[in-house]
Amino acid sequence: MCEDFDEDFCQCPRCSGWGEINCHCGGDLCVCENYGSAPCPLCYGDGEVSEAQHNHYLECQRENARLFAEARAKIDAETES
């Protein structure tokens, strides 16, 4: 195993460890002073988060996906009627 490997490192799931995310302040295009990228709001540019933050983020993503699927199913059912 590499001696530089940190077992406690938990990569940020929002920015994949890069520390930055794409800025979409104007929709698909950045119109602010970030020039296309902004510091990650989850890890604040560190690229890593605690295991608890990581798990909470993923749980919120699963919940959002579930809610979206429910809403989509409701819309589909209404349009079929």
PDB file of N, CA and C in Angstrom:
ATOM      1  N   MET A   1       0.851  -1.182   0.000  1.00  0.00           N
ATOM      2  CA  MET A   1       0.000   0.000   0.000  1.00  0.00           C
ATOM      3  C   MET A   1       0.896   1.245   0.000  1.00  0.00           C
ATOM      4  N   CYS A   2       0.478   2.250  -0.700  1.00  0.00           N
ATOM      5  CA  CYS A   2       1.225   3.497  -0.807  1.00  0.00           C
ATOM      6  C   CYS A   2       1.275   4.191   0.549  1.00  0.00           C
ATOM      7  N   GLU A   3       2.431   4.680   0.914  1.00  0.00           N
ATOM      8  CA  GLU A   3       2.560   5.347   2.219  1.00  0.00           C
ATOM      9  C   GLU A   3       1.850   6.687   2.270  1.00  0.00           C
ATOM     10  N   ASP A   4       1.535   7.259   1.111  1.00  0.00           N
ATOM     11  CA  ASP A   4       0.817   8.528   1.067  1.00  0.00           C
ATOM     12  C   ASP A   4      -0.699   8.353   1.168  1.00  0.00           C
ATOM     13  N   PHE A   5      -1.162   7.114   1.144  1.00  0.00           N
ATOM     14  CA  PHE A   5      -2.593   6.850   1.193  1.00  0.00           C
ATOM     15  C   PHE A   5      -3.140   7.152   2.580  1.00  0.00           C
ATOM     16  N   ASP A   6      -4.205   7.944   2.617  1.00  0.00           N
ATOM     17  CA  ASP A   6      -4.851   8.312   3.871  1.00  0.00           C
ATOM     18  C   ASP A   6      -6.153   7.534   3.984  1.00  0.00           C
ATOM     19  N   GLU A   7      -6.235   6.619   4.943  1.00  0.00           N
ATOM     20  CA  GLU A   7      -7.429   5.789   5.104  1.00  0.00           C
ATOM     21  C   GLU A   7      -8.649   6.600   5.512  1.00  0.00           C
ATOM     22  N   ASP A   8      -8.451   7.755   6.141  1.00  0.00           N
ATOM     23  CA  ASP A   8      -9.560   8.574   6.605  1.00  0.00           C
ATOM     24  C   ASP A   8     -10.094   9.518   5.534  1.00  0.00           C
ATOM     25  N   PHE A   9      -9.444   9.541   4.368  1.00  0.00           N
ATOM     26  CA  PHE A   9      -9.874  10.432   3.295  1.00  0.00           C
ATOM     27  C   PHE A   9     -11.221   9.990   2.766  1.00  0.00           C
ATOM     28  N   CYS A  10     -12.148  10.921   2.715  1.00  0.00           N
ATOM     29  CA  CYS A  10     -13.478  10.658   2.168  1.00  0.00           C
ATOM     30  C   CYS A  10     -13.726  11.720   1.103  1.00  0.00           C
ATOM     31  N   GLN A  11     -13.634  11.306  -0.148  1.00  0.00           N
ATOM     32  CA  GLN A  11     -13.767  12.227  -1.276  1.00  0.00           C
ATOM     33  C   GLN A  11     -15.133  12.888  -1.294  1.00  0.00           C
ATOM     34  N   CYS A  12     -15.144  14.167  -1.566  1.00  0.00           N
ATOM     35  CA  CYS A  12     -16.389  14.919  -1.644  1.00  0.00           C
ATOM     36  C   CYS A  12     -17.240  14.390  -2.797  1.00  0.00           C
ATOM     37  N   PRO A  13     -18.491  13.996  -2.524  1.00  0.00           N
ATOM     38  CA  PRO A  13     -19.337  13.473  -3.601  1.00  0.00           C
ATOM     39  C   PRO A  13     -19.881  14.556  -4.526  1.00  0.00           C
ATOM     40  N   ARG A  14     -19.867  15.789  -4.096  1.00  0.00           N
ATOM     41  CA  ARG A  14     -20.394  16.889  -4.928  1.00  0.00           C
ATOM     42  C   ARG A  14     -19.418  17.269  -6.028  1.00  0.00           C
ATOM     43  N   CYS A  15     -18.139  17.401  -5.693  1.00  0.00           N
ATOM     44  CA  CYS A  15     -17.140  17.849  -6.676  1.00  0.00           C
ATOM     45  C   CYS A  15     -16.165  16.741  -7.079  1.00  0.00           C
ATOM     46  N   SER A  16     -16.366  15.543  -6.570  1.00  0.00           N
ATOM     47  CA  SER A  16     -15.490  14.388  -6.839  1.00  0.00           C
ATOM     48  C   SER A  16     -14.046  14.651  -6.418  1.00  0.00           C
ATOM     49  N   GLY A  17     -13.882  15.455  -5.388  1.00  0.00           N
ATOM     50  CA  GLY A  17     -12.552  15.717  -4.851  1.00  0.00           C
ATOM     51  C   GLY A  17     -11.794  16.844  -5.524  1.00  0.00           C
ATOM     52  N   TRP A  18     -12.376  17.478  -6.526  1.00  0.00           N
ATOM     53  CA  TRP A  18     -11.683  18.550  -7.251  1.00  0.00           C
ATOM     54  C   TRP A  18     -11.696  19.867  -6.478  1.00  0.00           C
ATOM     55  N   GLY A  19     -12.678  20.066  -5.618  1.00  0.00           N
ATOM     56  CA  GLY A  19     -12.760  21.305  -4.847  1.00  0.00           C
ATOM     57  C   GLY A  19     -13.526  22.410  -5.544  1.00  0.00           C
ATOM     58  N   GLU A  20     -13.901  22.190  -6.803  1.00  0.00           N
ATOM     59  CA  GLU A  20     -14.645  23.180  -7.567  1.00  0.00           C
ATOM     60  C   GLU A  20     -15.809  22.507  -8.277  1.00  0.00           C
ATOM     61  N   ILE A  21     -16.841  23.296  -8.537  1.00  0.00           N
ATOM     62  CA  ILE A  21     -17.979  22.835  -9.324  1.00  0.00           C
ATOM     63  C   ILE A  21     -18.182  23.823 -10.461  1.00  0.00           C
ATOM     64  N   ASN A  22     -18.921  23.418 -11.480  1.00  0.00           N
ATOM     65  CA  ASN A  22     -19.252  24.330 -12.571  1.00  0.00           C
ATOM     66  C   ASN A  22     -20.221  25.381 -12.055  1.00  0.00           C
ATOM     67  N   CYS A  23     -19.973  26.612 -12.407  1.00  0.00           N
ATOM     68  CA  CYS A  23     -20.859  27.702 -12.021  1.00  0.00           C
ATOM     69  C   CYS A  23     -21.904  27.883 -13.103  1.00  0.00           C
ATOM     70  N   HIS A  24     -23.169  27.803 -12.726  1.00  0.00           N
ATOM     71  CA  HIS A  24     -24.273  27.991 -13.670  1.00  0.00           C
ATOM     72  C   HIS A  24     -25.159  29.120 -13.186  1.00  0.00           C
ATOM     73  N   CYS A  25     -24.548  30.230 -12.790  1.00  0.00           N
ATOM     74  CA  CYS A  25     -25.313  31.343 -12.227  1.00  0.00           C
ATOM     75  C   CYS A  25     -26.267  31.949 -13.238  1.00  0.00           C
ATOM     76  N   GLY A  26     -25.962  31.810 -14.506  1.00  0.00           N
ATOM     77  CA  GLY A  26     -26.835  32.347 -15.543  1.00  0.00           C
ATOM     78  C   GLY A  26     -27.522  31.249 -16.322  1.00  0.00           C
ATOM     79  N   GLY A  27     -27.718  30.109 -15.702  1.00  0.00           N
ATOM     80  CA  GLY A  27     -28.291  28.964 -16.398  1.00  0.00           C
ATOM     81  C   GLY A  27     -27.167  28.048 -16.825  1.00  0.00           C
ATOM     82  N   ASP A  28     -27.008  27.866 -18.138  1.00  0.00           N
ATOM     83  CA  ASP A  28     -25.919  27.029 -18.644  1.00  0.00           C
ATOM     84  C   ASP A  28     -24.609  27.801 -18.766  1.00  0.00           C
ATOM     85  N   LEU A  29     -24.661  29.092 -18.548  1.00  0.00           N
ATOM     86  CA  LEU A  29     -23.471  29.900 -18.757  1.00  0.00           C
ATOM     87  C   LEU A  29     -23.218  30.790 -17.549  1.00  0.00           C
ATOM     88  N   CYS A  30     -21.963  30.897 -17.168  1.00  0.00           N
ATOM     89  CA  CYS A  30     -21.579  31.695 -16.004  1.00  0.00           C
ATOM     90  C   CYS A  30     -21.497  33.160 -16.405  1.00  0.00           C
ATOM     91  N   VAL A  31     -22.178  34.030 -15.661  1.00  0.00           N
ATOM     92  CA  VAL A  31     -22.137  35.460 -15.937  1.00  0.00           C
ATOM     93  C   VAL A  31     -21.601  36.252 -14.748  1.00  0.00           C
ATOM     94  N   CYS A  32     -21.059  35.557 -13.755  1.00  0.00           N
ATOM     95  CA  CYS A  32     -20.537  36.242 -12.572  1.00  0.00           C
ATOM     96  C   CYS A  32     -19.009  36.268 -12.607  1.00  0.00           C
ATOM     97  N   GLU A  33     -18.413  36.622 -11.527  1.00  0.00           N
ATOM     98  CA  GLU A  33     -16.957  36.732 -11.473  1.00  0.00           C
ATOM     99  C   GLU A  33     -16.253  35.392 -11.279  1.00  0.00           C
ATOM    100  N   ASN A  34     -16.986  34.271 -11.235  1.00  0.00           N
ATOM    101  CA  ASN A  34     -16.367  32.958 -11.058  1.00  0.00           C
ATOM    102  C   ASN A  34     -15.744  32.422 -12.343  1.00  0.00           C
ATOM    103  N   TYR A  35     -16.113  32.949 -13.489  1.00  0.00           N
ATOM    104  CA  TYR A  35     -15.566  32.547 -14.784  1.00  0.00           C
ATOM    105  C   TYR A  35     -15.695  31.050 -15.035  1.00  0.00           C
ATOM    106  N   GLY A  36     -16.861  30.500 -14.704  1.00  0.00           N
ATOM    107  CA  GLY A  36     -17.144  29.116 -15.047  1.00  0.00           C
ATOM    108  C   GLY A  36     -16.998  28.099 -13.942  1.00  0.00           C
ATOM    109  N   SER A  37     -16.263  28.407 -12.895  1.00  0.00           N
ATOM    110  CA  SER A  37     -16.139  27.452 -11.793  1.00  0.00           C
ATOM    111  C   SER A  37     -16.260  28.189 -10.470  1.00  0.00           C
ATOM    112  N   ALA A  38     -16.779  27.470  -9.483  1.00  0.00           N
ATOM    113  CA  ALA A  38     -16.988  28.048  -8.158  1.00  0.00           C
ATOM    114  C   ALA A  38     -16.526  27.053  -7.108  1.00  0.00           C
ATOM    115  N   PRO A  39     -16.131  27.519  -5.940  1.00  0.00           N
ATOM    116  CA  PRO A  39     -15.751  26.592  -4.876  1.00  0.00           C
ATOM    117  C   PRO A  39     -16.924  25.676  -4.527  1.00  0.00           C
ATOM    118  N   CYS A  40     -16.630  24.439  -4.254  1.00  0.00           N
ATOM    119  CA  CYS A  40     -17.666  23.468  -3.915  1.00  0.00           C
ATOM    120  C   CYS A  40     -18.353  23.883  -2.612  1.00  0.00           C
ATOM    121  N   PRO A  41     -19.686  23.949  -2.603  1.00  0.00           N
ATOM    122  CA  PRO A  41     -20.396  24.356  -1.400  1.00  0.00           C
ATOM    123  C   PRO A  41     -20.437  23.274  -0.320  1.00  0.00           C
ATOM    124  N   LEU A  42     -20.033  22.055  -0.654  1.00  0.00           N
ATOM    125  CA  LEU A  42     -20.048  20.978   0.328  1.00  0.00           C
ATOM    126  C   LEU A  42     -18.713  20.857   1.060  1.00  0.00           C
ATOM    127  N   CYS A  43     -17.613  20.874   0.315  1.00  0.00           N
ATOM    128  CA  CYS A  43     -16.296  20.720   0.948  1.00  0.00           C
ATOM    129  C   CYS A  43     -15.532  22.036   1.050  1.00  0.00           C
ATOM    130  N   TYR A  44     -16.100  23.107   0.505  1.00  0.00           N
ATOM    131  CA  TYR A  44     -15.479  24.444   0.530  1.00  0.00           C
ATOM    132  C   TYR A  44     -14.096  24.455  -0.108  1.00  0.00           C
ATOM    133  N   GLY A  45     -13.924  23.638  -1.151  1.00  0.00           N
ATOM    134  CA  GLY A  45     -12.672  23.624  -1.898  1.00  0.00           C
ATOM    135  C   GLY A  45     -11.624  22.675  -1.376  1.00  0.00           C
ATOM    136  N   ASP A  46     -11.901  21.958  -0.281  1.00  0.00           N
ATOM    137  CA  ASP A  46     -10.914  21.027   0.274  1.00  0.00           C
ATOM    138  C   ASP A  46     -10.819  19.720  -0.503  1.00  0.00           C
ATOM    139  N   GLY A  47     -11.908  19.313  -1.134  1.00  0.00           N
ATOM    140  CA  GLY A  47     -11.914  18.063  -1.875  1.00  0.00           C
ATOM    141  C   GLY A  47     -12.265  16.851  -1.038  1.00  0.00           C
ATOM    142  N   GLU A  48     -12.352  17.033   0.261  1.00  0.00           N
ATOM    143  CA  GLU A  48     -12.735  15.922   1.123  1.00  0.00           C
ATOM    144  C   GLU A  48     -13.715  16.383   2.187  1.00  0.00           C
ATOM    145  N   VAL A  49     -14.515  15.441   2.645  1.00  0.00           N
ATOM    146  CA  VAL A  49     -15.527  15.699   3.665  1.00  0.00           C
ATOM    147  C   VAL A  49     -15.475  14.574   4.695  1.00  0.00           C
ATOM    148  N   SER A  50     -16.168  14.765   5.783  1.00  0.00           N
ATOM    149  CA  SER A  50     -16.240  13.692   6.779  1.00  0.00           C
ATOM    150  C   SER A  50     -17.127  12.579   6.248  1.00  0.00           C
ATOM    151  N   GLU A  51     -17.004  11.419   6.817  1.00  0.00           N
ATOM    152  CA  GLU A  51     -17.833  10.292   6.393  1.00  0.00           C
ATOM    153  C   GLU A  51     -19.311  10.592   6.637  1.00  0.00           C
ATOM    154  N   ALA A  52     -19.608  11.287   7.744  1.00  0.00           N
ATOM    155  CA  ALA A  52     -20.993  11.649   8.048  1.00  0.00           C
ATOM    156  C   ALA A  52     -21.555  12.592   6.987  1.00  0.00           C
ATOM    157  N   GLN A  53     -20.777  13.592   6.557  1.00  0.00           N
ATOM    158  CA  GLN A  53     -21.221  14.503   5.499  1.00  0.00           C
ATOM    159  C   GLN A  53     -21.442  13.750   4.195  1.00  0.00           C
ATOM    160  N   HIS A  54     -20.522  12.860   3.885  1.00  0.00           N
ATOM    161  CA  HIS A  54     -20.608  12.071   2.662  1.00  0.00           C
ATOM    162  C   HIS A  54     -21.890  11.237   2.661  1.00  0.00           C
ATOM    163  N   ASN A  55     -22.147  10.545   3.741  1.00  0.00           N
ATOM    164  CA  ASN A  55     -23.336   9.703   3.839  1.00  0.00           C
ATOM    165  C   ASN A  55     -24.620  10.530   3.808  1.00  0.00           C
ATOM    166  N   HIS A  56     -24.608  11.680   4.475  1.00  0.00           N
ATOM    167  CA  HIS A  56     -25.787  12.553   4.472  1.00  0.00           C
ATOM    168  C   HIS A  56     -26.077  13.073   3.064  1.00  0.00           C
ATOM    169  N   TYR A  57     -25.048  13.478   2.353  1.00  0.00           N
ATOM    170  CA  TYR A  57     -25.211  13.966   0.980  1.00  0.00           C
ATOM    171  C   TYR A  57     -25.829  12.888   0.100  1.00  0.00           C
ATOM    172  N   LEU A  58     -25.306  11.666   0.192  1.00  0.00           N
ATOM    173  CA  LEU A  58     -25.830  10.581  -0.630  1.00  0.00           C
ATOM    174  C   LEU A  58     -27.257  10.222  -0.246  1.00  0.00           C
ATOM    175  N   GLU A  59     -27.580  10.282   1.034  1.00  0.00           N
ATOM    176  CA  GLU A  59     -28.947  10.018   1.476  1.00  0.00           C
ATOM    177  C   GLU A  59     -29.903  11.071   0.914  1.00  0.00           C
ATOM    178  N   CYS A  60     -29.488  12.327   0.928  1.00  0.00           N
ATOM    179  CA  CYS A  60     -30.311  13.397   0.345  1.00  0.00           C
ATOM    180  C   CYS A  60     -30.483  13.196  -1.158  1.00  0.00           C
ATOM    181  N   GLN A  61     -29.441  12.752  -1.847  1.00  0.00           N
ATOM    182  CA  GLN A  61     -29.539  12.479  -3.276  1.00  0.00           C
ATOM    183  C   GLN A  61     -30.543  11.355  -3.546  1.00  0.00           C
ATOM    184  N   ARG A  62     -30.497  10.300  -2.731  1.00  0.00           N
ATOM    185  CA  ARG A  62     -31.455   9.204  -2.897  1.00  0.00           C
ATOM    186  C   ARG A  62     -32.884   9.681  -2.666  1.00  0.00           C
ATOM    187  N   GLU A  63     -33.080  10.512  -1.634  1.00  0.00           N
ATOM    188  CA  GLU A  63     -34.409  11.036  -1.337  1.00  0.00           C
ATOM    189  C   GLU A  63     -34.914  11.924  -2.471  1.00  0.00           C
ATOM    190  N   ASN A  64     -34.044  12.771  -3.014  1.00  0.00           N
ATOM    191  CA  ASN A  64     -34.424  13.620  -4.147  1.00  0.00           C
ATOM    192  C   ASN A  64     -34.804  12.781  -5.362  1.00  0.00           C
ATOM    193  N   ALA A  65     -34.055  11.723  -5.618  1.00  0.00           N
ATOM    194  CA  ALA A  65     -34.362  10.846  -6.746  1.00  0.00           C
ATOM    195  C   ALA A  65     -35.707  10.157  -6.540  1.00  0.00           C
ATOM    196  N   ARG A  66     -35.997   9.733  -5.323  1.00  0.00           N
ATOM    197  CA  ARG A  66     -37.266   9.089  -5.020  1.00  0.00           C
ATOM    198  C   ARG A  66     -38.426  10.064  -5.245  1.00  0.00           C
ATOM    199  N   LEU A  67     -38.288  11.289  -4.723  1.00  0.00           N
ATOM    200  CA  LEU A  67     -39.337  12.294  -4.891  1.00  0.00           C
ATOM    201  C   LEU A  67     -39.548  12.650  -6.359  1.00  0.00           C
ATOM    202  N   PHE A  68     -38.465  12.753  -7.106  1.00  0.00           N
ATOM    203  CA  PHE A  68     -38.572  13.063  -8.528  1.00  0.00           C
ATOM    204  C   PHE A  68     -39.291  11.936  -9.262  1.00  0.00           C
ATOM    205  N   ALA A  69     -38.958  10.680  -8.930  1.00  0.00           N
ATOM    206  CA  ALA A  69     -39.618   9.540  -9.571  1.00  0.00           C
ATOM    207  C   ALA A  69     -41.112   9.519  -9.261  1.00  0.00           C
ATOM    208  N   GLU A  70     -41.480   9.835  -8.027  1.00  0.00           N
ATOM    209  CA  GLU A  70     -42.892   9.904  -7.653  1.00  0.00           C
ATOM    210  C   GLU A  70     -43.619  10.997  -8.442  1.00  0.00           C
ATOM    211  N   ALA A  71     -42.998  12.164  -8.535  1.00  0.00           N
ATOM    212  CA  ALA A  71     -43.609  13.282  -9.269  1.00  0.00           C
ATOM    213  C   ALA A  71     -43.743  12.931 -10.743  1.00  0.00           C
ATOM    214  N   ARG A  72     -42.706  12.315 -11.298  1.00  0.00           N
ATOM    215  CA  ARG A  72     -42.745  11.927 -12.715  1.00  0.00           C
ATOM    216  C   ARG A  72     -43.849  10.894 -12.974  1.00  0.00           C
ATOM    217  N   ALA A  73     -43.990   9.939 -12.049  1.00  0.00           N
ATOM    218  CA  ALA A  73     -45.024   8.911 -12.196  1.00  0.00           C
ATOM    219  C   ALA A  73     -46.419   9.549 -12.119  1.00  0.00           C
ATOM    220  N   LYS A  74     -46.573  10.534 -11.244  1.00  0.00           N
ATOM    221  CA  LYS A  74     -47.859  11.229 -11.118  1.00  0.00           C
ATOM    222  C   LYS A  74     -48.185  12.000 -12.396  1.00  0.00           C
ATOM    223  N   ILE A  75     -47.216  12.683 -12.948  1.00  0.00           N
ATOM    224  CA  ILE A  75     -47.413  13.424 -14.195  1.00  0.00           C
ATOM    225  C   ILE A  75     -47.753  12.470 -15.326  1.00  0.00           C
ATOM    226  N   ASP A  76     -47.032  11.361 -15.404  1.00  0.00           N
ATOM    227  CA  ASP A  76     -47.302  10.372 -16.456  1.00  0.00           C
ATOM    228  C   ASP A  76     -48.717   9.812 -16.326  1.00  0.00           C
ATOM    229  N   ALA A  77     -49.149   9.541 -15.093  1.00  0.00           N
ATOM    230  CA  ALA A  77     -50.487   9.001 -14.866  1.00  0.00           C
ATOM    231  C   ALA A  77     -51.551  10.015 -15.259  1.00  0.00           C
ATOM    232  N   GLU A  78     -51.313  11.283 -14.986  1.00  0.00           N
ATOM    233  CA  GLU A  78     -52.281  12.335 -15.329  1.00  0.00           C
ATOM    234  C   GLU A  78     -52.358  12.543 -16.837  1.00  0.00           C
ATOM    235  N   THR A  79     -51.266  12.421 -17.527  1.00  0.00           N
ATOM    236  CA  THR A  79     -51.287  12.634 -18.975  1.00  0.00           C
ATOM    237  C   THR A  79     -51.892  11.445 -19.723  1.00  0.00           C
ATOM    238  N   GLU A  80     -51.842  10.261 -19.113  1.00  0.00           N
ATOM    239  CA  GLU A  80     -52.460   9.085 -19.725  1.00  0.00           C
ATOM    240  C   GLU A  80     -53.971   9.108 -19.564  1.00  0.00           C
ATOM    241  N   SER A  81     -54.481   9.808 -18.575  1.00  0.00           N
ATOM    242  CA  SER A  81     -55.932   9.842 -18.310  1.00  0.00           C
ATOM    243  C   SER A  81     -56.669  10.721 -19.282  1.00  0.00           C
TER     244      SER A  81
END
